[in-house]
N, C-alpha and C. Protein backbone atom coordinates (compact mmCIF):
# COMPACT_ATOMS: atom_id res chain seq x y z
N MET A 1 217.11 40.88 130.86
CA MET A 1 216.27 42.01 130.50
C MET A 1 215.83 41.82 129.06
N ASP A 2 214.52 41.79 128.82
CA ASP A 2 214.03 41.68 127.45
C ASP A 2 212.68 42.36 127.29
N PHE A 3 212.28 42.50 126.05
CA PHE A 3 211.05 43.21 125.73
C PHE A 3 209.82 42.48 126.26
N ARG A 4 209.72 41.19 125.98
CA ARG A 4 208.50 40.45 126.35
C ARG A 4 208.23 40.45 127.84
N ARG A 5 209.24 40.24 128.64
CA ARG A 5 209.04 40.10 130.09
C ARG A 5 209.11 41.42 130.85
N ASN A 6 209.92 42.36 130.40
CA ASN A 6 210.18 43.56 131.18
C ASN A 6 209.55 44.83 130.62
N VAL A 7 209.58 45.00 129.31
CA VAL A 7 209.11 46.25 128.71
C VAL A 7 207.63 46.19 128.33
N MET A 8 207.19 45.11 127.72
CA MET A 8 205.80 45.03 127.25
C MET A 8 204.78 45.18 128.37
N PRO A 9 205.00 44.64 129.57
CA PRO A 9 204.02 44.88 130.64
C PRO A 9 203.85 46.37 130.96
N ILE A 10 204.92 47.14 130.90
CA ILE A 10 204.83 48.59 131.14
C ILE A 10 204.04 49.23 130.00
N ILE A 11 204.35 48.85 128.77
CA ILE A 11 203.64 49.39 127.61
C ILE A 11 202.14 49.09 127.71
N ASN A 12 201.79 47.85 128.05
CA ASN A 12 200.37 47.49 128.17
C ASN A 12 199.67 48.32 129.23
N GLU A 13 200.34 48.55 130.33
CA GLU A 13 199.72 49.28 131.44
C GLU A 13 199.66 50.78 131.22
N LYS A 14 200.70 51.36 130.61
CA LYS A 14 200.79 52.82 130.58
C LYS A 14 200.80 53.48 129.21
N CYS A 15 201.00 52.73 128.14
CA CYS A 15 201.22 53.38 126.84
C CYS A 15 200.16 53.09 125.79
N VAL A 16 199.56 51.91 125.83
CA VAL A 16 198.66 51.48 124.75
C VAL A 16 197.46 52.40 124.57
N ARG A 17 196.97 52.98 125.65
CA ARG A 17 195.78 53.85 125.53
C ARG A 17 196.00 55.00 124.56
N CYS A 18 197.19 55.52 124.50
CA CYS A 18 197.48 56.65 123.59
C CYS A 18 198.13 56.21 122.28
N HIS A 19 198.66 55.00 122.24
CA HIS A 19 199.43 54.54 121.08
C HIS A 19 198.81 53.31 120.44
N ASP A 20 197.49 53.39 120.18
CA ASP A 20 196.80 52.30 119.47
C ASP A 20 196.61 52.71 118.02
N ALA A 21 195.76 51.99 117.29
CA ALA A 21 195.56 52.26 115.86
C ALA A 21 195.05 53.68 115.61
N ARG A 22 194.32 54.26 116.56
CA ARG A 22 193.77 55.60 116.39
C ARG A 22 194.61 56.68 117.07
N GLY A 23 195.66 56.28 117.77
CA GLY A 23 196.43 57.22 118.57
C GLY A 23 197.71 57.69 117.91
N ALA A 24 198.55 58.26 118.74
CA ALA A 24 199.82 58.81 118.28
C ALA A 24 200.83 57.69 117.97
N PRO A 25 201.71 57.91 117.00
CA PRO A 25 202.76 56.93 116.75
C PRO A 25 203.76 56.95 117.90
N PRO A 26 204.47 55.88 118.12
CA PRO A 26 204.42 54.60 117.43
C PRO A 26 203.24 53.76 117.90
N ARG A 27 202.80 52.86 117.05
CA ARG A 27 201.68 51.99 117.37
C ARG A 27 202.17 50.87 118.29
N LEU A 28 201.59 50.79 119.48
CA LEU A 28 202.07 49.85 120.50
C LEU A 28 201.02 48.85 120.94
N ASP A 29 199.88 48.80 120.27
CA ASP A 29 198.81 47.88 120.67
C ASP A 29 199.04 46.49 120.09
N GLY A 30 198.19 45.56 120.46
CA GLY A 30 198.25 44.21 119.89
C GLY A 30 198.77 43.15 120.84
N GLY A 31 199.11 43.52 122.07
CA GLY A 31 199.59 42.53 123.02
C GLY A 31 200.89 41.89 122.57
N LEU A 32 201.09 40.65 122.97
CA LEU A 32 202.33 39.94 122.63
C LEU A 32 202.21 39.06 121.40
N GLU A 33 201.05 39.05 120.77
CA GLU A 33 200.87 38.19 119.59
C GLU A 33 201.75 38.66 118.44
N PRO A 34 202.48 37.75 117.81
CA PRO A 34 203.34 38.12 116.68
C PRO A 34 202.53 38.65 115.49
N VAL A 35 203.09 39.61 114.79
CA VAL A 35 202.47 40.19 113.61
C VAL A 35 202.83 39.34 112.40
N ALA A 36 201.82 38.88 111.67
CA ALA A 36 202.06 38.08 110.46
C ALA A 36 202.44 39.02 109.31
N HIS A 37 203.38 38.57 108.50
CA HIS A 37 203.83 39.36 107.35
C HIS A 37 203.53 38.61 106.06
N ALA A 38 203.48 39.34 104.97
CA ALA A 38 203.15 38.77 103.67
C ALA A 38 204.07 37.61 103.29
N GLY A 39 205.33 37.67 103.65
CA GLY A 39 206.28 36.61 103.33
C GLY A 39 206.12 35.37 104.18
N GLY A 40 205.24 35.41 105.16
CA GLY A 40 204.97 34.24 105.98
C GLY A 40 205.50 34.29 107.40
N GLY A 41 206.54 35.04 107.68
CA GLY A 41 207.11 35.06 109.02
C GLY A 41 206.29 35.90 109.99
N ALA A 42 206.26 35.47 111.24
CA ALA A 42 205.62 36.22 112.32
C ALA A 42 206.45 35.99 113.58
N TYR A 43 207.40 36.88 113.84
CA TYR A 43 208.32 36.67 114.95
C TYR A 43 208.11 37.61 116.12
N PHE A 44 207.73 38.85 115.86
CA PHE A 44 207.65 39.85 116.91
C PHE A 44 206.27 40.50 116.93
N ASN A 45 205.93 41.14 118.05
CA ASN A 45 204.63 41.82 118.13
C ASN A 45 204.72 43.22 117.53
N ARG A 46 203.55 43.86 117.41
CA ARG A 46 203.48 45.17 116.77
C ARG A 46 204.30 46.22 117.51
N ALA A 47 204.24 46.24 118.83
CA ALA A 47 204.97 47.25 119.60
C ALA A 47 206.48 47.15 119.36
N TYR A 48 207.01 45.94 119.42
CA TYR A 48 208.45 45.74 119.21
C TYR A 48 208.84 46.17 117.80
N GLU A 49 208.06 45.75 116.81
CA GLU A 49 208.37 46.13 115.43
C GLU A 49 208.28 47.64 115.24
N SER A 50 207.31 48.29 115.86
CA SER A 50 207.18 49.74 115.74
C SER A 50 208.36 50.47 116.36
N LEU A 51 208.77 50.04 117.54
CA LEU A 51 209.88 50.71 118.22
C LEU A 51 211.22 50.48 117.54
N LEU A 52 211.40 49.32 116.90
CA LEU A 52 212.67 49.00 116.25
C LEU A 52 212.66 49.29 114.76
N ALA A 53 211.58 49.86 114.24
CA ALA A 53 211.51 50.16 112.81
C ALA A 53 212.64 51.11 112.42
N PRO A 54 213.24 50.90 111.25
CA PRO A 54 214.32 51.79 110.83
C PRO A 54 213.80 53.20 110.58
N GLY A 55 214.67 54.18 110.80
CA GLY A 55 214.33 55.55 110.48
C GLY A 55 214.24 55.73 108.98
N ALA A 56 213.57 56.77 108.55
CA ALA A 56 213.44 57.04 107.12
C ALA A 56 214.81 57.30 106.52
N SER A 57 215.04 56.80 105.34
CA SER A 57 216.32 56.97 104.66
C SER A 57 216.60 58.45 104.44
N GLY A 58 217.79 58.86 104.82
CA GLY A 58 218.18 60.25 104.61
C GLY A 58 217.68 61.20 105.67
N ASP A 59 217.04 60.68 106.73
CA ASP A 59 216.55 61.59 107.76
C ASP A 59 217.70 62.01 108.67
N GLU A 60 217.40 62.86 109.63
CA GLU A 60 218.42 63.35 110.53
C GLU A 60 218.40 62.63 111.87
N GLU A 61 217.81 61.47 111.92
CA GLU A 61 217.71 60.74 113.18
C GLU A 61 219.00 60.04 113.55
N GLY A 62 219.99 60.02 112.70
CA GLY A 62 221.23 59.34 113.02
C GLY A 62 221.11 57.86 112.73
N SER A 63 222.03 57.08 113.29
CA SER A 63 222.00 55.64 113.04
C SER A 63 221.02 54.98 113.99
N GLY A 64 220.59 53.79 113.64
CA GLY A 64 219.64 53.09 114.49
C GLY A 64 218.23 53.30 113.99
N GLY A 65 217.28 52.90 114.81
CA GLY A 65 215.89 52.98 114.41
C GLY A 65 215.27 54.34 114.65
N GLN A 66 214.03 54.43 114.24
CA GLN A 66 213.29 55.67 114.38
C GLN A 66 213.09 56.03 115.85
N TYR A 67 212.90 55.02 116.71
CA TYR A 67 212.66 55.26 118.13
C TYR A 67 213.75 54.68 119.03
N VAL A 68 214.35 53.58 118.64
CA VAL A 68 215.31 52.87 119.49
C VAL A 68 216.62 52.63 118.74
N HIS A 69 217.72 52.96 119.38
CA HIS A 69 219.06 52.66 118.87
C HIS A 69 219.62 51.57 119.77
N PRO A 70 219.46 50.28 119.40
CA PRO A 70 219.90 49.19 120.27
C PRO A 70 221.35 49.35 120.72
N GLY A 71 221.56 49.22 122.02
CA GLY A 71 222.89 49.35 122.59
C GLY A 71 223.23 50.75 123.06
N THR A 72 222.42 51.74 122.69
CA THR A 72 222.72 53.13 123.05
C THR A 72 221.44 53.87 123.43
N ALA A 73 221.00 53.68 124.64
CA ALA A 73 219.76 54.33 125.10
C ALA A 73 219.87 55.85 125.03
N ARG A 74 221.02 56.39 125.38
CA ARG A 74 221.12 57.85 125.48
C ARG A 74 220.90 58.57 124.16
N THR A 75 221.07 57.88 123.01
CA THR A 75 220.81 58.53 121.71
C THR A 75 219.46 58.11 121.12
N SER A 76 218.71 57.30 121.83
CA SER A 76 217.43 56.79 121.31
C SER A 76 216.32 57.82 121.51
N PRO A 77 215.62 58.19 120.44
CA PRO A 77 214.53 59.14 120.56
C PRO A 77 213.48 58.74 121.60
N LEU A 78 213.22 57.45 121.75
CA LEU A 78 212.26 57.01 122.77
C LEU A 78 212.70 57.45 124.16
N ILE A 79 213.96 57.30 124.48
CA ILE A 79 214.48 57.69 125.79
C ILE A 79 214.41 59.20 125.96
N TRP A 80 214.75 59.94 124.94
CA TRP A 80 214.63 61.40 125.01
C TRP A 80 213.20 61.78 125.35
N ARG A 81 212.25 61.09 124.72
CA ARG A 81 210.85 61.44 124.94
C ARG A 81 210.37 61.06 126.33
N ILE A 82 210.71 59.87 126.81
CA ILE A 82 210.18 59.48 128.11
C ILE A 82 210.91 60.15 129.28
N PHE A 83 212.16 60.59 129.07
CA PHE A 83 212.85 61.33 130.11
C PHE A 83 212.62 62.84 129.97
N GLY A 84 212.12 63.26 128.81
CA GLY A 84 211.80 64.67 128.59
C GLY A 84 213.01 65.56 128.39
N ARG A 85 214.13 64.97 128.00
CA ARG A 85 215.34 65.77 127.79
C ARG A 85 216.33 65.02 126.89
N ASN A 86 217.26 65.77 126.36
CA ASN A 86 218.34 65.21 125.55
C ASN A 86 219.29 64.47 126.49
N THR A 87 219.43 63.17 126.31
CA THR A 87 220.30 62.38 127.17
C THR A 87 221.62 62.01 126.50
N SER A 88 221.84 62.49 125.27
CA SER A 88 223.09 62.17 124.58
C SER A 88 224.24 63.00 125.15
N ARG A 89 225.43 62.64 124.76
CA ARG A 89 226.64 63.33 125.18
C ARG A 89 227.28 63.97 123.95
N PRO A 90 228.16 64.96 124.15
CA PRO A 90 228.77 65.65 123.00
C PRO A 90 229.43 64.70 122.00
N TRP A 91 230.03 63.62 122.48
CA TRP A 91 230.72 62.69 121.58
C TRP A 91 229.74 61.81 120.80
N ASP A 92 228.43 61.91 121.09
CA ASP A 92 227.42 61.16 120.36
C ASP A 92 226.91 61.90 119.13
N ALA A 93 227.49 63.02 118.79
CA ALA A 93 226.95 63.89 117.74
C ALA A 93 226.63 63.17 116.45
N ALA A 94 227.45 62.21 116.06
CA ALA A 94 227.22 61.51 114.79
C ALA A 94 226.01 60.59 114.83
N THR A 95 225.63 60.10 116.01
CA THR A 95 224.53 59.14 116.09
C THR A 95 223.31 59.69 116.81
N ALA A 96 223.44 60.78 117.51
CA ALA A 96 222.32 61.32 118.28
C ALA A 96 221.30 61.98 117.36
N PRO A 97 220.01 61.81 117.66
CA PRO A 97 219.00 62.52 116.87
C PRO A 97 219.16 64.02 117.10
N LYS A 98 218.79 64.79 116.12
CA LYS A 98 218.92 66.23 116.25
C LYS A 98 217.91 66.78 117.26
N ARG A 99 216.74 66.13 117.32
CA ARG A 99 215.72 66.64 118.21
C ARG A 99 214.72 65.54 118.51
N ALA A 100 214.24 65.50 119.72
CA ALA A 100 213.19 64.56 120.13
C ALA A 100 212.37 65.25 121.20
N ASP A 101 211.16 65.61 120.85
CA ASP A 101 210.30 66.32 121.78
C ASP A 101 209.85 65.41 122.91
N PRO A 102 209.73 65.96 124.13
CA PRO A 102 209.21 65.16 125.23
C PRO A 102 207.76 64.76 124.98
N VAL A 103 207.36 63.66 125.56
CA VAL A 103 205.98 63.19 125.45
C VAL A 103 205.09 64.18 126.17
N SER A 104 203.96 64.52 125.57
CA SER A 104 203.02 65.41 126.25
C SER A 104 201.62 64.84 126.16
N GLY A 105 200.84 65.04 127.19
CA GLY A 105 199.45 64.59 127.21
C GLY A 105 199.29 63.09 127.17
N CYS A 106 200.24 62.36 127.66
CA CYS A 106 200.22 60.91 127.58
C CYS A 106 200.63 60.33 128.93
N GLU A 107 200.34 59.07 129.13
CA GLU A 107 200.73 58.40 130.37
C GLU A 107 202.24 58.31 130.54
N ALA A 108 202.99 58.46 129.47
CA ALA A 108 204.45 58.31 129.56
C ALA A 108 205.05 59.26 130.58
N ASN A 109 204.44 60.45 130.73
CA ASN A 109 204.99 61.36 131.71
C ASN A 109 204.67 60.91 133.13
N ARG A 110 203.92 59.83 133.25
CA ARG A 110 203.61 59.27 134.56
C ARG A 110 204.36 57.96 134.80
N LEU A 111 205.28 57.64 133.93
CA LEU A 111 206.11 56.46 134.18
C LEU A 111 206.91 56.70 135.45
N THR A 112 207.07 55.66 136.25
CA THR A 112 207.90 55.78 137.44
C THR A 112 209.37 55.84 137.01
N GLU A 113 210.21 56.24 137.93
CA GLU A 113 211.64 56.26 137.63
C GLU A 113 212.14 54.86 137.28
N ASP A 114 211.66 53.84 138.00
CA ASP A 114 212.06 52.46 137.70
C ASP A 114 211.60 52.03 136.31
N GLU A 115 210.40 52.45 135.90
CA GLU A 115 209.91 52.10 134.56
C GLU A 115 210.74 52.79 133.49
N ARG A 116 211.09 54.04 133.68
CA ARG A 116 211.95 54.73 132.71
C ARG A 116 213.31 54.05 132.63
N ARG A 117 213.85 53.66 133.77
CA ARG A 117 215.14 52.95 133.78
C ARG A 117 215.04 51.60 133.09
N THR A 118 213.89 50.94 133.21
CA THR A 118 213.71 49.65 132.53
C THR A 118 213.84 49.84 131.02
N PHE A 119 213.20 50.87 130.46
CA PHE A 119 213.33 51.15 129.03
C PHE A 119 214.79 51.41 128.67
N ALA A 120 215.47 52.24 129.44
CA ALA A 120 216.87 52.57 129.14
C ALA A 120 217.76 51.34 129.24
N GLU A 121 217.58 50.54 130.27
CA GLU A 121 218.40 49.33 130.43
C GLU A 121 218.15 48.35 129.30
N TRP A 122 216.88 48.18 128.92
CA TRP A 122 216.54 47.28 127.81
C TRP A 122 217.26 47.70 126.54
N ILE A 123 217.24 48.99 126.23
CA ILE A 123 217.90 49.49 125.02
C ILE A 123 219.42 49.33 125.15
N ASP A 124 219.98 49.72 126.29
CA ASP A 124 221.43 49.59 126.48
C ASP A 124 221.91 48.15 126.37
N MET A 125 221.06 47.21 126.72
CA MET A 125 221.43 45.79 126.65
C MET A 125 221.13 45.19 125.28
N GLY A 126 220.83 46.02 124.29
CA GLY A 126 220.66 45.55 122.92
C GLY A 126 219.23 45.47 122.44
N ALA A 127 218.25 45.90 123.25
CA ALA A 127 216.83 45.90 122.86
C ALA A 127 216.36 44.52 122.40
N LEU A 128 216.71 43.50 123.18
CA LEU A 128 216.34 42.13 122.83
C LEU A 128 214.84 41.89 122.97
N TRP A 129 214.31 41.07 122.05
CA TRP A 129 212.93 40.61 122.13
C TRP A 129 212.79 39.63 123.29
N ASP A 130 213.68 38.66 123.32
CA ASP A 130 213.60 37.59 124.31
C ASP A 130 215.01 37.27 124.76
N GLY A 131 215.32 37.53 126.01
CA GLY A 131 216.66 37.32 126.51
C GLY A 131 216.92 35.95 127.10
N ILE A 132 215.89 35.08 127.12
CA ILE A 132 216.05 33.75 127.70
C ILE A 132 215.83 32.72 126.62
N PRO A 133 216.82 31.87 126.33
CA PRO A 133 216.65 30.86 125.28
C PRO A 133 215.60 29.82 125.65
N GLY A 134 215.04 29.19 124.62
CA GLY A 134 214.05 28.13 124.84
C GLY A 134 212.64 28.67 124.76
N THR A 135 211.69 27.81 125.07
CA THR A 135 210.28 28.18 124.98
C THR A 135 209.72 28.46 126.37
N ASP A 136 208.59 29.15 126.41
CA ASP A 136 207.88 29.42 127.65
C ASP A 136 206.41 29.60 127.34
N ASP A 137 205.60 29.97 128.33
CA ASP A 137 204.16 30.11 128.07
C ASP A 137 203.74 31.50 127.61
N LEU A 138 204.65 32.46 127.50
CA LEU A 138 204.28 33.78 127.00
C LEU A 138 204.08 33.72 125.49
N PRO A 139 203.06 34.42 124.97
CA PRO A 139 202.90 34.47 123.51
C PRO A 139 204.18 35.02 122.87
N GLY A 140 204.50 34.49 121.72
CA GLY A 140 205.67 34.97 120.99
C GLY A 140 206.96 34.30 121.43
N GLY A 141 206.89 33.33 122.33
CA GLY A 141 208.10 32.70 122.83
C GLY A 141 208.29 31.28 122.36
N SER A 142 207.40 30.80 121.50
CA SER A 142 207.47 29.40 121.10
C SER A 142 208.33 29.16 119.87
N HIS A 143 208.86 30.20 119.26
CA HIS A 143 209.71 30.01 118.08
C HIS A 143 211.17 30.10 118.47
N HIS A 144 212.01 29.60 117.63
CA HIS A 144 213.44 29.74 117.81
C HIS A 144 213.90 30.85 116.88
N MET A 145 214.53 31.86 117.42
CA MET A 145 214.96 32.98 116.60
C MET A 145 216.12 32.57 115.72
N GLN A 146 216.14 33.14 114.54
CA GLN A 146 217.21 32.88 113.58
C GLN A 146 218.36 33.84 113.85
N LYS A 147 219.54 33.47 113.39
CA LYS A 147 220.69 34.36 113.52
C LYS A 147 220.34 35.71 112.89
N GLY A 148 220.62 36.77 113.60
CA GLY A 148 220.31 38.11 113.12
C GLY A 148 219.02 38.65 113.69
N ASP A 149 218.15 37.79 114.26
CA ASP A 149 216.94 38.28 114.92
C ASP A 149 217.34 38.92 116.23
N ARG A 150 216.58 39.86 116.69
CA ARG A 150 216.83 40.51 117.98
C ARG A 150 216.27 39.66 119.07
């Protein structure tokens, strides 16, 4: 289970229309092409970087990223939004976001149950960019990730 093969096709089909440069955050457009950075590296695409971006320092989002808490789907704001409810448990209080509004007016509310489960499984399995070692013909798969990369 990984972002490039399992999650990005769903995003391209159902999410990009509302989450492009002119739409609602997070920005999910740009396909699978890696985003170039000022320091020279280009490892992940815009959607992956947006979903895994760290939360603002001192915010009440808990630990993990602004949208995704790798390894814990039930506390991830993205999962709260696509399922339309708080999926955390009482013992998650220290890491669960205080609030995450359900998605409204977007294709996300039309995700199938299998598509929603794909997002949750991807996050629970560590929110990996690429779960298969080596190269392939998908964009963004020709580099070797460094230790610490997702």
